[in-house]
C-alpha cells in the first residue's frame, strides 16, 4: 500500500504488514512483468545507468 495508515485502518500491525508486503515475491513479480516494456525502452534509450539501476532494483523492477 502507498500509505502506511492503510494497514492500521484495516486493523493490522502497520510495521509487520509493511515488512510482509515488502517480502511478497508475487507482488515483486507482478511489478517486474508490468514494467517490462518500460525497462526495455529505458535500456534501448541507454537510460539504465548505474545509479538508475540501483533504484530500479530496489523497487523490484529489475
N, C-alpha and C. Protein backbone atom coordinates (compact mmCIF):
# COMPACT_ATOMS: atom_id res chain seq x y z
N UNK A 1 0.83 -1.17 0.00
CA UNK A 1 0.00 0.00 0.00
C UNK A 1 0.88 1.25 0.00
N UNK A 2 0.36 2.31 -0.48
CA UNK A 2 1.11 3.55 -0.57
C UNK A 2 1.25 4.22 0.78
N UNK A 3 0.18 4.25 1.54
CA UNK A 3 0.17 4.94 2.82
C UNK A 3 0.15 3.92 3.94
N UNK A 4 1.10 4.04 4.87
CA UNK A 4 1.17 3.05 5.95
C UNK A 4 -0.04 3.07 6.86
N UNK A 5 -0.81 4.16 6.87
CA UNK A 5 -2.02 4.23 7.69
C UNK A 5 -3.10 3.28 7.19
N UNK A 6 -3.01 2.89 5.93
CA UNK A 6 -3.99 1.97 5.37
C UNK A 6 -3.98 0.66 6.14
N UNK A 7 -2.80 0.19 6.48
CA UNK A 7 -2.68 -1.06 7.24
C UNK A 7 -3.31 -0.92 8.62
N UNK A 8 -3.02 0.19 9.29
CA UNK A 8 -3.59 0.42 10.62
C UNK A 8 -5.11 0.54 10.55
N UNK A 9 -5.61 1.22 9.52
CA UNK A 9 -7.05 1.36 9.35
C UNK A 9 -7.74 0.03 9.08
N UNK A 10 -6.98 -0.93 8.53
CA UNK A 10 -7.52 -2.26 8.28
C UNK A 10 -7.39 -3.16 9.51
N UNK A 11 -6.84 -2.61 10.60
CA UNK A 11 -6.71 -3.38 11.83
C UNK A 11 -5.45 -4.22 11.88
N UNK A 12 -4.47 -3.91 11.05
CA UNK A 12 -3.23 -4.68 11.02
C UNK A 12 -2.11 -3.92 11.73
N UNK A 13 -1.12 -4.65 12.19
CA UNK A 13 0.08 -4.04 12.73
C UNK A 13 0.82 -3.45 11.54
N UNK A 14 0.93 -2.12 11.48
CA UNK A 14 1.48 -1.44 10.31
C UNK A 14 2.91 -1.86 10.01
N UNK A 15 3.74 -1.99 11.02
CA UNK A 15 5.13 -2.39 10.82
C UNK A 15 5.26 -3.78 10.23
N UNK A 16 4.54 -4.71 10.81
CA UNK A 16 4.60 -6.09 10.32
C UNK A 16 3.99 -6.20 8.92
N UNK A 17 2.88 -5.50 8.69
CA UNK A 17 2.23 -5.55 7.39
C UNK A 17 3.14 -5.01 6.30
N UNK A 18 3.85 -3.92 6.57
CA UNK A 18 4.78 -3.36 5.59
C UNK A 18 5.93 -4.33 5.32
N UNK A 19 6.42 -4.97 6.37
CA UNK A 19 7.50 -5.94 6.20
C UNK A 19 7.04 -7.13 5.35
N UNK A 20 5.84 -7.61 5.61
CA UNK A 20 5.30 -8.73 4.84
C UNK A 20 5.08 -8.33 3.38
N UNK A 21 4.56 -7.14 3.16
CA UNK A 21 4.33 -6.67 1.79
C UNK A 21 5.65 -6.50 1.06
N UNK A 22 6.66 -6.02 1.74
CA UNK A 22 7.97 -5.83 1.12
C UNK A 22 8.64 -7.14 0.74
N UNK A 23 8.28 -8.21 1.42
CA UNK A 23 8.88 -9.52 1.15
C UNK A 23 8.02 -10.38 0.22
N UNK A 24 6.92 -9.84 -0.28
CA UNK A 24 5.98 -10.59 -1.10
C UNK A 24 6.52 -10.77 -2.51
N UNK A 25 6.99 -11.96 -2.83
CA UNK A 25 7.59 -12.25 -4.14
C UNK A 25 6.58 -12.17 -5.27
N UNK A 26 5.33 -12.49 -4.99
CA UNK A 26 4.30 -12.39 -6.03
C UNK A 26 4.12 -10.94 -6.46
N UNK A 27 4.07 -10.03 -5.51
CA UNK A 27 3.94 -8.60 -5.82
C UNK A 27 5.15 -8.12 -6.62
N UNK A 28 6.34 -8.53 -6.21
CA UNK A 28 7.55 -8.12 -6.93
C UNK A 28 7.52 -8.64 -8.37
N UNK A 29 7.07 -9.86 -8.56
CA UNK A 29 6.98 -10.44 -9.89
C UNK A 29 5.99 -9.68 -10.76
N UNK A 30 4.86 -9.31 -10.19
CA UNK A 30 3.87 -8.54 -10.94
C UNK A 30 4.42 -7.18 -11.34
N UNK A 31 5.16 -6.54 -10.45
CA UNK A 31 5.77 -5.24 -10.76
C UNK A 31 6.76 -5.38 -11.91
N UNK A 32 7.59 -6.42 -11.86
CA UNK A 32 8.57 -6.63 -12.94
C UNK A 32 7.88 -6.87 -14.28
N UNK A 33 6.86 -7.71 -14.28
CA UNK A 33 6.20 -8.02 -15.56
C UNK A 33 5.41 -6.83 -16.08
N UNK A 34 4.80 -6.04 -15.21
CA UNK A 34 4.03 -4.90 -15.69
C UNK A 34 4.92 -3.77 -16.19
N UNK A 35 6.16 -3.72 -15.73
CA UNK A 35 7.09 -2.66 -16.15
C UNK A 35 8.12 -3.13 -17.16
N UNK A 36 7.93 -4.32 -17.70
CA UNK A 36 8.94 -4.85 -18.62
C UNK A 36 9.08 -3.98 -19.86
N UNK A 37 7.98 -3.46 -20.38
CA UNK A 37 8.05 -2.58 -21.55
C UNK A 37 8.82 -1.31 -21.25
N UNK A 38 8.58 -0.75 -20.08
CA UNK A 38 9.30 0.45 -19.68
C UNK A 38 10.79 0.17 -19.56
N UNK A 39 11.13 -0.95 -18.96
CA UNK A 39 12.55 -1.29 -18.79
C UNK A 39 13.22 -1.51 -20.15
N UNK A 40 12.51 -2.13 -21.10
CA UNK A 40 13.06 -2.31 -22.45
C UNK A 40 13.32 -0.96 -23.11
N UNK A 41 12.35 -0.04 -22.97
CA UNK A 41 12.53 1.29 -23.55
C UNK A 41 13.72 2.01 -22.92
N UNK A 42 13.79 2.00 -21.60
CA UNK A 42 14.89 2.69 -20.92
C UNK A 42 16.23 2.09 -21.31
N UNK A 43 16.26 0.79 -21.47
CA UNK A 43 17.50 0.14 -21.89
C UNK A 43 17.89 0.54 -23.31
N UNK A 44 16.92 0.56 -24.21
CA UNK A 44 17.22 0.93 -25.60
C UNK A 44 17.63 2.40 -25.72
N UNK A 45 17.13 3.24 -24.82
CA UNK A 45 17.50 4.66 -24.82
C UNK A 45 18.76 4.91 -24.00
N UNK A 46 19.36 3.82 -23.50
CA UNK A 46 20.59 3.88 -22.68
C UNK A 46 20.40 4.75 -21.43
N UNK A 47 19.23 4.61 -20.82
CA UNK A 47 18.94 5.36 -19.60
C UNK A 47 19.08 4.51 -18.35
N UNK A 48 19.44 3.25 -18.50
CA UNK A 48 19.64 2.38 -17.35
C UNK A 48 21.11 2.46 -16.92
N UNK A 49 21.45 3.57 -16.33
CA UNK A 49 22.81 3.78 -15.86
C UNK A 49 22.98 3.13 -14.49
N UNK A 50 24.19 3.11 -14.00
CA UNK A 50 24.48 2.50 -12.69
C UNK A 50 23.61 3.05 -11.57
N UNK A 51 23.55 4.38 -11.38
CA UNK A 51 22.72 4.91 -10.31
C UNK A 51 21.23 4.59 -10.50
N UNK A 52 20.77 4.62 -11.75
CA UNK A 52 19.36 4.31 -12.01
C UNK A 52 19.07 2.84 -11.70
N UNK A 53 20.00 1.96 -12.06
CA UNK A 53 19.81 0.53 -11.79
C UNK A 53 19.63 0.26 -10.30
N UNK A 54 20.36 0.98 -9.48
CA UNK A 54 20.24 0.81 -8.03
C UNK A 54 18.79 1.00 -7.59
N UNK A 55 18.17 2.08 -8.07
CA UNK A 55 16.79 2.37 -7.65
C UNK A 55 15.78 1.42 -8.28
N UNK A 56 16.00 1.04 -9.53
CA UNK A 56 15.07 0.10 -10.16
C UNK A 56 15.15 -1.28 -9.52
N UNK A 57 16.32 -1.71 -9.13
CA UNK A 57 16.45 -2.98 -8.42
C UNK A 57 15.81 -2.90 -7.05
N UNK A 58 16.00 -1.78 -6.38
CA UNK A 58 15.41 -1.60 -5.05
C UNK A 58 13.89 -1.64 -5.12
N UNK A 59 13.34 -1.13 -6.22
CA UNK A 59 11.90 -1.14 -6.41
C UNK A 59 11.40 -2.46 -7.01
N UNK A 60 12.28 -3.42 -7.18
CA UNK A 60 11.96 -4.75 -7.73
C UNK A 60 11.48 -4.68 -9.17
N UNK A 61 11.98 -3.72 -9.93
CA UNK A 61 11.60 -3.61 -11.33
C UNK A 61 12.58 -4.32 -12.24
N UNK A 62 13.72 -4.69 -11.70
CA UNK A 62 14.74 -5.42 -12.47
C UNK A 62 15.08 -6.68 -11.69
